[in-house]
Amino acid sequence: MTRDIDVAIEDARWTAALPDLEAFVARAVEAALAVAPESKPAHPVEVSVLLADDATVQDLNRTWRGKDAPTNVLSFPAAPQPRHAGAAVPLGDVVLAYDTLLRESAEQGKPLRNHLAHLLVHGTLHLLGQDHETGEAEAEAMEAVEVAALARLGVPDPYAD
């Protein structure tokens, strides 16, 4: 399946902190798409990733979710669109906040690269309709898919104690 993964780097600190950033982002999104269960798309898809700062994410969070605070990752699934032969179907956008990810990775004692991979996988799964807010079973199922995707990238289980 063809996948078009567009990466926009709004905050240069991302590039300074992580070499091969665009290729890494693409691999993490691909890993999520590869292990997603029945929600796995069977046609070409497009995912857009924005690597931003806390101010940008806080503004988006306030505008779209009514929460006036930064967060680590936001996912914006695309509205369903008609499928055209050969054209990639947009899944949506994933937006990540550098400041929050850097702080969380330090607090959790995890490399920034691993935390970024986790949240890219997490955000991509949201684009595919997976959720962890509706109940414990759904949260556990989503976590299992995240762990499987991260294993493909050589990233340890973020939920292990």
C-alpha atoms as a PDB file:
ATOM      1  CA  MET A   1       0.000   0.000   0.000  1.00  0.00           C
ATOM      2  CA  THR A   2       1.239   3.455  -0.870  1.00  0.00           C
ATOM      3  CA  ARG A   3       1.519   5.898   1.991  1.00  0.00           C
ATOM      4  CA  ASP A   4       2.218   9.596   1.730  1.00  0.00           C
ATOM      5  CA  ILE A   5       3.555  10.945   5.010  1.00  0.00           C
ATOM      6  CA  ASP A   6       4.040  14.694   4.965  1.00  0.00           C
ATOM      7  CA  VAL A   7       6.215  16.137   7.715  1.00  0.00           C
ATOM      8  CA  ALA A   8       6.270  19.855   8.518  1.00  0.00           C
ATOM      9  CA  ILE A   9       8.824  21.060  11.051  1.00  0.00           C
ATOM     10  CA  GLU A  10       7.613  24.336  12.543  1.00  0.00           C
ATOM     11  CA  ASP A  11      10.108  24.423  15.424  1.00  0.00           C
ATOM     12  CA  ALA A  12      13.783  24.002  14.500  1.00  0.00           C
ATOM     13  CA  ARG A  13      14.555  22.502  17.911  1.00  0.00           C
ATOM     14  CA  TRP A  14      13.087  19.226  16.645  1.00  0.00           C
ATOM     15  CA  THR A  15      15.729  18.989  13.925  1.00  0.00           C
ATOM     16  CA  ALA A  16      18.527  19.966  16.284  1.00  0.00           C
ATOM     17  CA  ALA A  17      17.491  17.302  18.821  1.00  0.00           C
ATOM     18  CA  LEU A  18      16.834  14.384  16.472  1.00  0.00           C
ATOM     19  CA  PRO A  19      18.889  13.506  13.396  1.00  0.00           C
ATOM     20  CA  ASP A  20      17.094  11.963  10.389  1.00  0.00           C
ATOM     21  CA  LEU A  21      13.876  13.401  11.791  1.00  0.00           C
ATOM     22  CA  GLU A  22      11.641  13.185   8.715  1.00  0.00           C
ATOM     23  CA  ALA A  23      12.628   9.585   7.969  1.00  0.00           C
ATOM     24  CA  PHE A  24      12.124   8.669  11.642  1.00  0.00           C
ATOM     25  CA  VAL A  25       8.650  10.230  11.688  1.00  0.00           C
ATOM     26  CA  ALA A  26       7.719   8.343   8.530  1.00  0.00           C
ATOM     27  CA  ARG A  27       8.921   5.024  10.009  1.00  0.00           C
ATOM     28  CA  ALA A  28       6.886   5.566  13.186  1.00  0.00           C
ATOM     29  CA  VAL A  29       3.704   6.380  11.251  1.00  0.00           C
ATOM     30  CA  GLU A  30       4.336   3.373   8.969  1.00  0.00           C
ATOM     31  CA  ALA A  31       4.743   1.120  12.017  1.00  0.00           C
ATOM     32  CA  ALA A  32       1.369   2.231  13.369  1.00  0.00           C
ATOM     33  CA  LEU A  33      -0.304   1.686  10.003  1.00  0.00           C
ATOM     34  CA  ALA A  34       1.327  -1.733   9.656  1.00  0.00           C
ATOM     35  CA  VAL A  35       0.051  -3.154  12.944  1.00  0.00           C
ATOM     36  CA  ALA A  36      -3.321  -1.447  13.186  1.00  0.00           C
ATOM     37  CA  PRO A  37      -6.042  -4.083  13.539  1.00  0.00           C
ATOM     38  CA  GLU A  38      -9.236  -4.133  11.485  1.00  0.00           C
ATOM     39  CA  SER A  39      -9.046  -0.345  11.098  1.00  0.00           C
ATOM     40  CA  LYS A  40      -5.970  -0.819   8.877  1.00  0.00           C
ATOM     41  CA  PRO A  41      -6.587   0.999   5.577  1.00  0.00           C
ATOM     42  CA  ALA A  42      -6.449  -1.186   2.460  1.00  0.00           C
ATOM     43  CA  HIS A  43      -5.849   1.717   0.089  1.00  0.00           C
ATOM     44  CA  PRO A  44      -3.219   4.450  -0.325  1.00  0.00           C
ATOM     45  CA  VAL A  45      -3.346   6.932   2.535  1.00  0.00           C
ATOM     46  CA  GLU A  46      -1.903  10.308   3.449  1.00  0.00           C
ATOM     47  CA  VAL A  47      -0.926  11.442   6.934  1.00  0.00           C
ATOM     48  CA  SER A  48       0.352  14.916   7.784  1.00  0.00           C
ATOM     49  CA  VAL A  49       2.581  15.453  10.810  1.00  0.00           C
ATOM     50  CA  LEU A  50       3.343  18.877  12.271  1.00  0.00           C
ATOM     51  CA  LEU A  51       6.259  19.148  14.700  1.00  0.00           C
ATOM     52  CA  ALA A  52       5.493  22.334  16.590  1.00  0.00           C
ATOM     53  CA  ASP A  53       5.994  24.024  19.949  1.00  0.00           C
ATOM     54  CA  ASP A  54       3.767  24.269  23.009  1.00  0.00           C
ATOM     55  CA  ALA A  55       2.261  27.623  21.972  1.00  0.00           C
ATOM     56  CA  THR A  56       1.039  26.250  18.651  1.00  0.00           C
ATOM     57  CA  VAL A  57      -0.374  23.102  20.242  1.00  0.00           C
ATOM     58  CA  GLN A  58      -2.017  25.105  23.032  1.00  0.00           C
ATOM     59  CA  ASP A  59      -3.716  27.307  20.439  1.00  0.00           C
ATOM     60  CA  LEU A  60      -4.988  24.257  18.526  1.00  0.00           C
ATOM     61  CA  ASN A  61      -6.076  22.572  21.753  1.00  0.00           C
ATOM     62  CA  ARG A  62      -7.999  25.690  22.818  1.00  0.00           C
ATOM     63  CA  THR A  63      -9.594  26.183  19.384  1.00  0.00           C
ATOM     64  CA  TRP A  64     -10.603  22.583  18.660  1.00  0.00           C
ATOM     65  CA  ARG A  65     -10.975  20.950  22.076  1.00  0.00           C
ATOM     66  CA  GLY A  66     -11.806  23.891  24.352  1.00  0.00           C
ATOM     67  CA  LYS A  67      -8.765  23.139  26.526  1.00  0.00           C
ATOM     68  CA  ASP A  68      -6.495  26.147  27.037  1.00  0.00           C
ATOM     69  CA  ALA A  69      -3.285  24.215  27.720  1.00  0.00           C
ATOM     70  CA  PRO A  70      -0.578  22.562  25.696  1.00  0.00           C
ATOM     71  CA  THR A  71      -0.608  18.789  25.343  1.00  0.00           C
ATOM     72  CA  ASN A  72       1.870  16.315  23.898  1.00  0.00           C
ATOM     73  CA  VAL A  73      -0.049  15.186  20.803  1.00  0.00           C
ATOM     74  CA  LEU A  74      -3.235  16.134  18.983  1.00  0.00           C
ATOM     75  CA  SER A  75      -4.865  14.112  16.226  1.00  0.00           C
ATOM     76  CA  PHE A  76      -7.292  15.543  13.706  1.00  0.00           C
ATOM     77  CA  PRO A  77      -8.925  12.806  11.614  1.00  0.00           C
ATOM     78  CA  ALA A  78      -9.860  13.903   8.114  1.00  0.00           C
ATOM     79  CA  ALA A  79     -13.491  13.994   7.113  1.00  0.00           C
ATOM     80  CA  PRO A  80     -14.515  11.007   4.995  1.00  0.00           C
ATOM     81  CA  GLN A  81     -13.886  11.694   1.326  1.00  0.00           C
ATOM     82  CA  PRO A  82     -14.776   9.926  -1.893  1.00  0.00           C
ATOM     83  CA  ARG A  83     -12.110   7.507  -3.033  1.00  0.00           C
ATOM     84  CA  HIS A  84     -10.533   8.225  -6.423  1.00  0.00           C
ATOM     85  CA  ALA A  85      -8.564   5.454  -8.132  1.00  0.00           C
ATOM     86  CA  GLY A  86      -4.861   5.782  -7.374  1.00  0.00           C
ATOM     87  CA  ALA A  87      -5.271   8.820  -5.114  1.00  0.00           C
ATOM     88  CA  ALA A  88      -4.221   8.672  -1.488  1.00  0.00           C
ATOM     89  CA  VAL A  89      -7.055   9.149   0.978  1.00  0.00           C
ATOM     90  CA  PRO A  90      -6.183  11.666   3.715  1.00  0.00           C
ATOM     91  CA  LEU A  91      -6.341  10.109   7.184  1.00  0.00           C
ATOM     92  CA  GLY A  92      -5.684  13.403   8.946  1.00  0.00           C
ATOM     93  CA  ASP A  93      -3.114  15.379  10.875  1.00  0.00           C
ATOM     94  CA  VAL A  94      -0.961  14.636  13.917  1.00  0.00           C
ATOM     95  CA  VAL A  95       0.535  17.597  15.792  1.00  0.00           C
ATOM     96  CA  LEU A  96       3.238  17.289  18.476  1.00  0.00           C
ATOM     97  CA  ALA A  97       4.557  19.837  20.980  1.00  0.00           C
ATOM     98  CA  TYR A  98       8.340  19.909  21.387  1.00  0.00           C
ATOM     99  CA  ASP A  99       8.413  21.510  24.842  1.00  0.00           C
ATOM    100  CA  THR A 100       5.915  19.053  26.319  1.00  0.00           C
ATOM    101  CA  LEU A 101       7.581  15.993  24.773  1.00  0.00           C
ATOM    102  CA  LEU A 102      11.009  17.124  25.986  1.00  0.00           C
ATOM    103  CA  ARG A 103       9.689  17.687  29.527  1.00  0.00           C
ATOM    104  CA  GLU A 104       7.780  14.388  29.601  1.00  0.00           C
ATOM    105  CA  SER A 105      10.704  12.371  28.265  1.00  0.00           C
ATOM    106  CA  ALA A 106      12.949  13.841  30.983  1.00  0.00           C
ATOM    107  CA  GLU A 107      10.345  13.191  33.706  1.00  0.00           C
ATOM    108  CA  GLN A 108       9.855   9.609  32.512  1.00  0.00           C
ATOM    109  CA  GLY A 109      13.566   8.938  31.999  1.00  0.00           C
ATOM    110  CA  LYS A 110      13.019   8.035  28.342  1.00  0.00           C
ATOM    111  CA  PRO A 111      14.971   9.186  25.299  1.00  0.00           C
ATOM    112  CA  LEU A 112      13.132  11.909  23.391  1.00  0.00           C
ATOM    113  CA  ARG A 113      13.327   9.728  20.266  1.00  0.00           C
ATOM    114  CA  ASN A 114      11.414   6.898  21.985  1.00  0.00           C
ATOM    115  CA  HIS A 115       8.775   9.223  23.414  1.00  0.00           C
ATOM    116  CA  LEU A 116       8.289  10.847  20.007  1.00  0.00           C
ATOM    117  CA  ALA A 117       7.884   7.420  18.385  1.00  0.00           C
ATOM    118  CA  HIS A 118       5.272   6.475  20.981  1.00  0.00           C
ATOM    119  CA  LEU A 119       3.226   9.616  20.471  1.00  0.00           C
ATOM    120  CA  LEU A 120       3.461   9.401  16.666  1.00  0.00           C
ATOM    121  CA  VAL A 121       2.099   5.859  16.855  1.00  0.00           C
ATOM    122  CA  HIS A 122      -0.552   6.949  19.367  1.00  0.00           C
ATOM    123  CA  GLY A 123      -1.667   9.880  17.223  1.00  0.00           C
ATOM    124  CA  THR A 124      -1.757   7.795  14.052  1.00  0.00           C
ATOM    125  CA  LEU A 125      -3.931   5.181  15.747  1.00  0.00           C
ATOM    126  CA  HIS A 126      -6.380   7.942  16.680  1.00  0.00           C
ATOM    127  CA  LEU A 127      -6.574   8.861  12.978  1.00  0.00           C
ATOM    128  CA  LEU A 128      -7.603   5.265  12.329  1.00  0.00           C
ATOM    129  CA  GLY A 129     -10.428   5.531  14.867  1.00  0.00           C
ATOM    130  CA  GLN A 130      -8.772   3.867  17.851  1.00  0.00           C
ATOM    131  CA  ASP A 131      -9.641   5.374  21.224  1.00  0.00           C
ATOM    132  CA  HIS A 132      -8.634   5.043  24.855  1.00  0.00           C
ATOM    133  CA  GLU A 133     -11.239   7.357  26.357  1.00  0.00           C
ATOM    134  CA  THR A 134     -14.272   5.084  26.046  1.00  0.00           C
ATOM    135  CA  GLY A 135     -13.269   2.389  28.507  1.00  0.00           C
ATOM    136  CA  GLU A 136     -10.521   0.300  30.042  1.00  0.00           C
ATOM    137  CA  ALA A 137     -10.812  -2.493  27.456  1.00  0.00           C
ATOM    138  CA  GLU A 138     -10.403  -0.026  24.586  1.00  0.00           C
ATOM    139  CA  ALA A 139      -7.445   1.617  26.313  1.00  0.00           C
ATOM    140  CA  GLU A 140      -5.740  -1.744  26.842  1.00  0.00           C
ATOM    141  CA  ALA A 141      -6.372  -2.773  23.233  1.00  0.00           C
ATOM    142  CA  MET A 142      -4.915   0.497  21.942  1.00  0.00           C
ATOM    143  CA  GLU A 143      -1.891   0.161  24.236  1.00  0.00           C
ATOM    144  CA  ALA A 144      -1.242  -3.345  22.908  1.00  0.00           C
ATOM    145  CA  VAL A 145      -1.236  -2.061  19.335  1.00  0.00           C
ATOM    146  CA  GLU A 146       1.094   0.780  20.344  1.00  0.00           C
ATOM    147  CA  VAL A 147       3.513  -1.679  21.971  1.00  0.00           C
ATOM    148  CA  ALA A 148       3.492  -3.868  18.830  1.00  0.00           C
ATOM    149  CA  ALA A 149       4.181  -0.868  16.570  1.00  0.00           C
ATOM    150  CA  LEU A 150       6.968   0.385  18.832  1.00  0.00           C
ATOM    151  CA  ALA A 151       8.575  -3.068  18.890  1.00  0.00           C
ATOM    152  CA  ARG A 152       8.920  -2.797  15.100  1.00  0.00           C
ATOM    153  CA  LEU A 153      10.989   0.340  15.735  1.00  0.00           C
ATOM    154  CA  GLY A 154      13.080  -1.167  18.532  1.00  0.00           C
ATOM    155  CA  VAL A 155      11.405   1.075  21.117  1.00  0.00           C
ATOM    156  CA  PRO A 156      10.717  -0.507  24.535  1.00  0.00           C
ATOM    157  CA  ASP A 157       7.199  -0.844  25.908  1.00  0.00           C
ATOM    158  CA  PRO A 158       6.341   2.619  27.282  1.00  0.00           C
ATOM    159  CA  TYR A 159       3.832   1.098  29.705  1.00  0.00           C
ATOM    160  CA  ALA A 160       6.276  -1.311  31.359  1.00  0.00           C
ATOM    161  CA  ASP A 161       7.276  -0.427  34.908  1.00  0.00           C
END
